[in-house]
């Protein structure tokens, strides 16, 4: 599955379809899906997903896409805030408000992206 996900010759949608088909065809266990998410460096709340229904590869890809989008937006907010001389508290507030994040997640993004621009 990881080979399919990382295959650069496939578009994201093609890779998504292949992995989902594979996971369904082979009845891939939840722990394997969680391992794939870990290897893809995703922070996914599996308990929240389980409450919504079964965790499957389709759900995993949707969550990975949402997380990557949020990461990109967070990076932009942090970098722009630092470029314009905003305080860390102002950037934290902006991250929380714009991306609907917890304080803890906003702080993680500051740590993650603040070092890259300093």
N, C-alpha and C. Protein backbone atom coordinates (compact mmCIF):
# COMPACT_ATOMS: atom_id res chain seq x y z
N UNK A 1 0.83 -1.19 0.00
CA UNK A 1 0.00 0.00 0.00
C UNK A 1 0.87 1.25 0.00
N UNK A 2 1.94 1.24 0.79
CA UNK A 2 2.81 2.42 0.82
C UNK A 2 3.44 2.65 -0.55
N UNK A 3 3.80 1.57 -1.24
CA UNK A 3 4.38 1.72 -2.57
C UNK A 3 3.39 2.43 -3.49
N UNK A 4 2.11 2.08 -3.38
CA UNK A 4 1.09 2.73 -4.21
C UNK A 4 0.94 4.20 -3.84
N UNK A 5 0.95 4.49 -2.56
CA UNK A 5 0.79 5.87 -2.10
C UNK A 5 1.95 6.74 -2.58
N UNK A 6 3.16 6.18 -2.56
CA UNK A 6 4.36 6.95 -2.89
C UNK A 6 4.73 6.90 -4.37
N UNK A 7 3.98 6.18 -5.18
CA UNK A 7 4.26 6.04 -6.60
C UNK A 7 4.07 7.38 -7.31
N UNK A 8 5.16 7.99 -7.72
CA UNK A 8 5.11 9.33 -8.34
C UNK A 8 4.52 9.30 -9.75
N UNK A 9 4.41 8.11 -10.34
CA UNK A 9 3.84 8.04 -11.69
C UNK A 9 2.32 8.11 -11.66
N UNK A 10 1.73 8.00 -10.47
CA UNK A 10 0.27 8.06 -10.33
C UNK A 10 -0.14 9.44 -9.82
N UNK A 11 -1.30 9.89 -10.28
CA UNK A 11 -1.84 11.11 -9.69
C UNK A 11 -2.35 10.76 -8.29
N UNK A 12 -2.62 11.76 -7.50
CA UNK A 12 -3.12 11.52 -6.15
C UNK A 12 -4.43 10.74 -6.18
N UNK A 13 -5.31 11.09 -7.10
CA UNK A 13 -6.59 10.39 -7.20
C UNK A 13 -6.41 8.94 -7.64
N UNK A 14 -5.48 8.70 -8.58
CA UNK A 14 -5.22 7.32 -9.02
C UNK A 14 -4.66 6.48 -7.87
N UNK A 15 -3.71 7.06 -7.14
CA UNK A 15 -3.12 6.34 -6.00
C UNK A 15 -4.19 6.07 -4.95
N UNK A 16 -5.02 7.06 -4.69
CA UNK A 16 -6.10 6.90 -3.71
C UNK A 16 -7.01 5.74 -4.10
N UNK A 17 -7.41 5.70 -5.35
CA UNK A 17 -8.31 4.65 -5.81
C UNK A 17 -7.65 3.28 -5.70
N UNK A 18 -6.39 3.18 -6.12
CA UNK A 18 -5.69 1.89 -6.06
C UNK A 18 -5.58 1.39 -4.62
N UNK A 19 -5.22 2.27 -3.71
CA UNK A 19 -5.05 1.87 -2.31
C UNK A 19 -6.39 1.49 -1.69
N UNK A 20 -7.42 2.26 -1.96
CA UNK A 20 -8.74 1.95 -1.43
C UNK A 20 -9.22 0.60 -1.97
N UNK A 21 -9.07 0.39 -3.27
CA UNK A 21 -9.46 -0.89 -3.87
C UNK A 21 -8.69 -2.05 -3.23
N UNK A 22 -7.40 -1.84 -3.06
CA UNK A 22 -6.56 -2.89 -2.46
C UNK A 22 -7.02 -3.19 -1.03
N UNK A 23 -7.24 -2.14 -0.25
CA UNK A 23 -7.64 -2.33 1.15
C UNK A 23 -8.98 -3.04 1.25
N UNK A 24 -9.90 -2.70 0.38
CA UNK A 24 -11.22 -3.36 0.41
C UNK A 24 -11.12 -4.81 -0.07
N UNK A 25 -10.38 -5.01 -1.15
CA UNK A 25 -10.25 -6.36 -1.71
C UNK A 25 -9.57 -7.32 -0.74
N UNK A 26 -8.60 -6.81 0.01
CA UNK A 26 -7.85 -7.65 0.93
C UNK A 26 -8.31 -7.52 2.38
N UNK A 27 -9.42 -6.81 2.58
CA UNK A 27 -9.98 -6.64 3.92
C UNK A 27 -8.91 -6.21 4.94
N UNK A 28 -8.24 -5.10 4.63
CA UNK A 28 -7.12 -4.63 5.44
C UNK A 28 -7.61 -4.23 6.83
N UNK A 29 -6.90 -4.68 7.83
CA UNK A 29 -7.24 -4.43 9.23
C UNK A 29 -7.00 -2.96 9.61
N UNK A 30 -7.76 -2.51 10.59
CA UNK A 30 -7.64 -1.13 11.08
C UNK A 30 -6.22 -0.81 11.52
N UNK A 31 -5.52 -1.75 12.15
CA UNK A 31 -4.16 -1.47 12.61
C UNK A 31 -3.22 -1.21 11.45
N UNK A 32 -3.44 -1.86 10.32
CA UNK A 32 -2.61 -1.61 9.14
C UNK A 32 -2.90 -0.21 8.61
N UNK A 33 -4.16 0.16 8.58
CA UNK A 33 -4.52 1.51 8.13
C UNK A 33 -3.89 2.55 9.04
N UNK A 34 -3.90 2.30 10.33
CA UNK A 34 -3.28 3.22 11.29
C UNK A 34 -1.77 3.29 11.06
N UNK A 35 -1.16 2.17 10.73
CA UNK A 35 0.27 2.14 10.45
C UNK A 35 0.59 2.95 9.20
N UNK A 36 -0.23 2.82 8.19
CA UNK A 36 -0.04 3.60 6.96
C UNK A 36 -0.15 5.09 7.27
N UNK A 37 -1.11 5.45 8.09
CA UNK A 37 -1.27 6.86 8.47
C UNK A 37 -0.03 7.35 9.21
N UNK A 38 0.50 6.50 10.10
CA UNK A 38 1.71 6.87 10.83
C UNK A 38 2.89 7.03 9.89
N UNK A 39 3.03 6.13 8.95
CA UNK A 39 4.12 6.21 7.99
C UNK A 39 3.98 7.42 7.09
N UNK A 40 2.74 7.84 6.84
CA UNK A 40 2.49 9.03 6.04
C UNK A 40 2.59 10.30 6.89
N UNK A 41 2.97 10.12 8.16
CA UNK A 41 3.17 11.22 9.11
C UNK A 41 1.91 12.04 9.33
N UNK A 42 0.81 11.36 9.58
CA UNK A 42 -0.47 12.02 9.81
C UNK A 42 -0.86 11.93 11.27
N UNK A 43 -1.43 13.00 11.76
CA UNK A 43 -1.97 13.01 13.12
C UNK A 43 -3.47 12.90 13.00
N UNK A 44 -3.97 11.69 13.10
CA UNK A 44 -5.39 11.46 12.92
C UNK A 44 -6.00 10.98 14.22
N UNK A 45 -7.12 11.54 14.59
CA UNK A 45 -7.84 11.13 15.78
C UNK A 45 -8.68 9.90 15.44
N UNK A 46 -8.12 8.73 15.68
CA UNK A 46 -8.79 7.49 15.30
C UNK A 46 -10.08 7.28 16.08
N UNK A 47 -10.12 7.74 17.33
CA UNK A 47 -11.35 7.60 18.12
C UNK A 47 -12.49 8.40 17.51
N UNK A 48 -12.20 9.60 17.06
CA UNK A 48 -13.23 10.42 16.42
C UNK A 48 -13.70 9.76 15.13
N UNK A 49 -12.76 9.20 14.38
CA UNK A 49 -13.14 8.54 13.14
C UNK A 49 -13.99 7.31 13.41
N UNK A 50 -13.63 6.57 14.44
CA UNK A 50 -14.38 5.36 14.78
C UNK A 50 -15.82 5.68 15.15
N UNK A 51 -16.04 6.83 15.79
CA UNK A 51 -17.40 7.23 16.16
C UNK A 51 -18.22 7.54 14.92
N UNK A 52 -17.58 8.03 13.88
CA UNK A 52 -18.29 8.37 12.64
C UNK A 52 -18.63 7.12 11.84
N UNK A 53 -17.92 6.05 12.08
CA UNK A 53 -18.12 4.83 11.30
C UNK A 53 -16.81 4.08 11.20
N UNK A 54 -16.80 3.08 10.39
CA UNK A 54 -15.60 2.27 10.25
C UNK A 54 -14.47 3.09 9.64
N UNK A 55 -13.28 2.88 10.19
CA UNK A 55 -12.09 3.51 9.63
C UNK A 55 -11.66 2.68 8.44
N UNK A 56 -11.63 3.28 7.27
CA UNK A 56 -11.16 2.58 6.10
C UNK A 56 -10.21 3.48 5.32
N UNK A 57 -9.68 2.98 4.23
CA UNK A 57 -8.70 3.74 3.47
C UNK A 57 -9.29 5.01 2.88
N UNK A 58 -10.55 4.99 2.53
CA UNK A 58 -11.20 6.18 1.99
C UNK A 58 -11.20 7.29 3.05
N UNK A 59 -11.59 6.92 4.26
CA UNK A 59 -11.59 7.87 5.37
C UNK A 59 -10.18 8.36 5.64
N UNK A 60 -9.23 7.44 5.61
CA UNK A 60 -7.83 7.80 5.85
C UNK A 60 -7.35 8.82 4.83
N UNK A 61 -7.60 8.59 3.54
CA UNK A 61 -7.18 9.54 2.52
C UNK A 61 -7.85 10.90 2.70
N UNK A 62 -9.12 10.90 3.04
CA UNK A 62 -9.82 12.16 3.27
C UNK A 62 -9.17 12.93 4.42
N UNK A 63 -8.85 12.23 5.49
CA UNK A 63 -8.22 12.88 6.65
C UNK A 63 -6.82 13.37 6.31
N UNK A 64 -6.05 12.57 5.55
CA UNK A 64 -4.72 13.00 5.14
C UNK A 64 -4.81 14.26 4.29
N UNK A 65 -5.76 14.30 3.37
CA UNK A 65 -5.93 15.48 2.52
C UNK A 65 -6.29 16.70 3.34
N UNK A 66 -7.21 16.54 4.29
CA UNK A 66 -7.60 17.67 5.15
C UNK A 66 -6.42 18.15 5.98
N UNK A 67 -5.66 17.22 6.52
CA UNK A 67 -4.51 17.60 7.34
C UNK A 67 -3.46 18.32 6.52
N UNK A 68 -3.18 17.81 5.32
CA UNK A 68 -2.19 18.47 4.46
C UNK A 68 -2.63 19.88 4.08
N UNK A 69 -3.90 20.05 3.83
CA UNK A 69 -4.43 21.38 3.51
C UNK A 69 -4.27 22.31 4.70
N UNK A 70 -4.62 21.83 5.89
CA UNK A 70 -4.49 22.65 7.10
C UNK A 70 -3.02 22.99 7.35
N UNK A 71 -2.14 22.03 7.14
CA UNK A 71 -0.70 22.28 7.32
C UNK A 71 -0.22 23.39 6.40
N UNK A 72 -0.64 23.32 5.13
CA UNK A 72 -0.24 24.34 4.17
C UNK A 72 -0.74 25.72 4.57
N UNK A 73 -1.98 25.78 5.01
CA UNK A 73 -2.54 27.06 5.45
C UNK A 73 -1.84 27.55 6.71
N UNK A 74 -1.56 26.63 7.63
CA UNK A 74 -0.88 27.01 8.88
C UNK A 74 0.51 27.55 8.57
N UNK A 75 1.21 26.88 7.67
CA UNK A 75 2.56 27.33 7.30
C UNK A 75 2.51 28.75 6.76
N UNK A 76 1.53 29.02 5.89
CA UNK A 76 1.39 30.35 5.34
C UNK A 76 1.10 31.40 6.40
N UNK A 77 0.24 31.07 7.33
CA UNK A 77 -0.10 32.01 8.41
C UNK A 77 1.11 32.29 9.28
N UNK A 78 1.84 31.23 9.65
CA UNK A 78 3.01 31.41 10.51
C UNK A 78 4.07 32.23 9.79
N UNK A 79 4.40 31.86 8.56
CA UNK A 79 5.44 32.58 7.82
C UNK A 79 5.07 34.04 7.58
N UNK A 80 3.83 34.28 7.20
CA UNK A 80 3.38 35.66 6.96
C UNK A 80 3.40 36.46 8.25
N UNK A 81 2.91 35.85 9.32
CA UNK A 81 2.92 36.53 10.62
C UNK A 81 4.33 36.92 11.05
N UNK A 82 5.27 36.00 10.89
CA UNK A 82 6.66 36.30 11.26
C UNK A 82 7.25 37.36 10.34
N UNK A 83 6.94 37.28 9.03
CA UNK A 83 7.44 38.28 8.08
C UNK A 83 6.97 39.69 8.44
N UNK A 84 5.74 39.79 8.96
CA UNK A 84 5.18 41.10 9.31
C UNK A 84 5.40 41.47 10.76
N UNK A 85 6.20 40.67 11.47
CA UNK A 85 6.59 41.01 12.83
C UNK A 85 5.52 40.80 13.88
N UNK A 86 4.53 39.96 13.60
CA UNK A 86 3.50 39.67 14.60
C UNK A 86 4.10 38.87 15.74
N UNK A 87 3.55 39.05 16.93
CA UNK A 87 4.02 38.28 18.07
C UNK A 87 3.54 36.84 17.95
N UNK A 88 4.17 35.95 18.69
CA UNK A 88 3.76 34.54 18.69
C UNK A 88 2.31 34.41 19.14
N UNK A 89 1.90 35.21 20.12
CA UNK A 89 0.51 35.15 20.59
C UNK A 89 -0.47 35.57 19.50
N UNK A 90 -0.12 36.60 18.73
CA UNK A 90 -0.99 37.03 17.63
C UNK A 90 -1.11 35.94 16.57
N UNK A 91 0.02 35.30 16.29
CA UNK A 91 0.01 34.22 15.29
C UNK A 91 -0.82 33.04 15.81
N UNK A 92 -0.67 32.71 17.09
CA UNK A 92 -1.45 31.63 17.69
C UNK A 92 -2.95 31.92 17.58
N UNK A 93 -3.33 33.15 17.90
CA UNK A 93 -4.75 33.54 17.81
C UNK A 93 -5.26 33.41 16.38
N UNK A 94 -4.45 33.87 15.43
CA UNK A 94 -4.85 33.81 14.02
C UNK A 94 -5.00 32.36 13.57
N UNK A 95 -4.06 31.48 13.95
CA UNK A 95 -4.14 30.06 13.61
C UNK A 95 -5.42 29.45 14.17
N UNK A 96 -5.70 29.74 15.44
CA UNK A 96 -6.89 29.18 16.07
C UNK A 96 -8.17 29.66 15.39
N UNK A 97 -8.22 30.94 15.10
CA UNK A 97 -9.43 31.52 14.52
C UNK A 97 -9.63 31.08 13.07
N UNK A 98 -8.59 31.20 12.24
CA UNK A 98 -8.72 30.90 10.82
C UNK A 98 -8.90 29.41 10.53
N UNK A 99 -8.22 28.56 11.32
CA UNK A 99 -8.23 27.13 11.04
C UNK A 99 -9.03 26.32 12.04
N UNK A 100 -9.64 27.03 12.99
CA UNK A 100 -10.45 26.35 14.01
C UNK A 100 -9.63 25.27 14.73
N UNK A 101 -8.47 25.69 15.24
CA UNK A 101 -7.54 24.77 15.90
C UNK A 101 -7.57 24.95 17.41
N UNK A 102 -7.16 23.92 18.11
CA UNK A 102 -6.94 24.04 19.54
C UNK A 102 -5.65 24.82 19.75
N UNK A 103 -5.47 25.34 20.95
CA UNK A 103 -4.25 26.06 21.29
C UNK A 103 -3.05 25.14 21.11
N UNK A 104 -3.18 23.90 21.55
CA UNK A 104 -2.08 22.94 21.45
C UNK A 104 -1.66 22.71 20.00
N UNK A 105 -2.61 22.52 19.10
CA UNK A 105 -2.29 22.30 17.69
C UNK A 105 -1.67 23.54 17.09
N UNK A 106 -2.18 24.71 17.43
CA UNK A 106 -1.61 25.96 16.93
C UNK A 106 -0.16 26.10 17.39
N UNK A 107 0.12 25.74 18.64
CA UNK A 107 1.48 25.79 19.16
C UNK A 107 2.40 24.82 18.41
N UNK A 108 1.87 23.65 18.06
CA UNK A 108 2.67 22.69 17.29
C UNK A 108 3.04 23.26 15.93
N UNK A 109 2.09 23.95 15.29
CA UNK A 109 2.38 24.55 13.99
C UNK A 109 3.42 25.67 14.12
N UNK A 110 3.36 26.43 15.20
CA UNK A 110 4.37 27.47 15.43
C UNK A 110 5.75 26.83 15.55
N UNK A 111 5.84 25.75 16.33
CA UNK A 111 7.12 25.05 16.49
C UNK A 111 7.58 24.48 15.15
N UNK A 112 6.65 23.92 14.41
CA UNK A 112 6.98 23.25 13.15
C UNK A 112 7.46 24.25 12.10
N UNK A 113 6.76 25.35 11.94
CA UNK A 113 7.04 26.26 10.84
C UNK A 113 7.80 27.52 11.25
N UNK A 114 7.79 27.85 12.53
CA UNK A 114 8.49 29.04 13.00
C UNK A 114 10.00 28.91 12.85
N UNK A 115 10.51 27.73 13.07
CA UNK A 115 11.96 27.49 12.99
C UNK A 115 12.46 27.60 11.56
N UNK A 116 11.63 27.24 10.60
CA UNK A 116 12.04 27.24 9.20
C UNK A 116 12.29 28.65 8.68
N UNK A 117 11.59 29.62 9.24
CA UNK A 117 11.68 30.97 8.71
C UNK A 117 12.60 31.88 9.53
N UNK A 118 12.99 31.41 10.68
CA UNK A 118 13.83 32.26 11.55
C UNK A 118 15.28 32.15 11.19
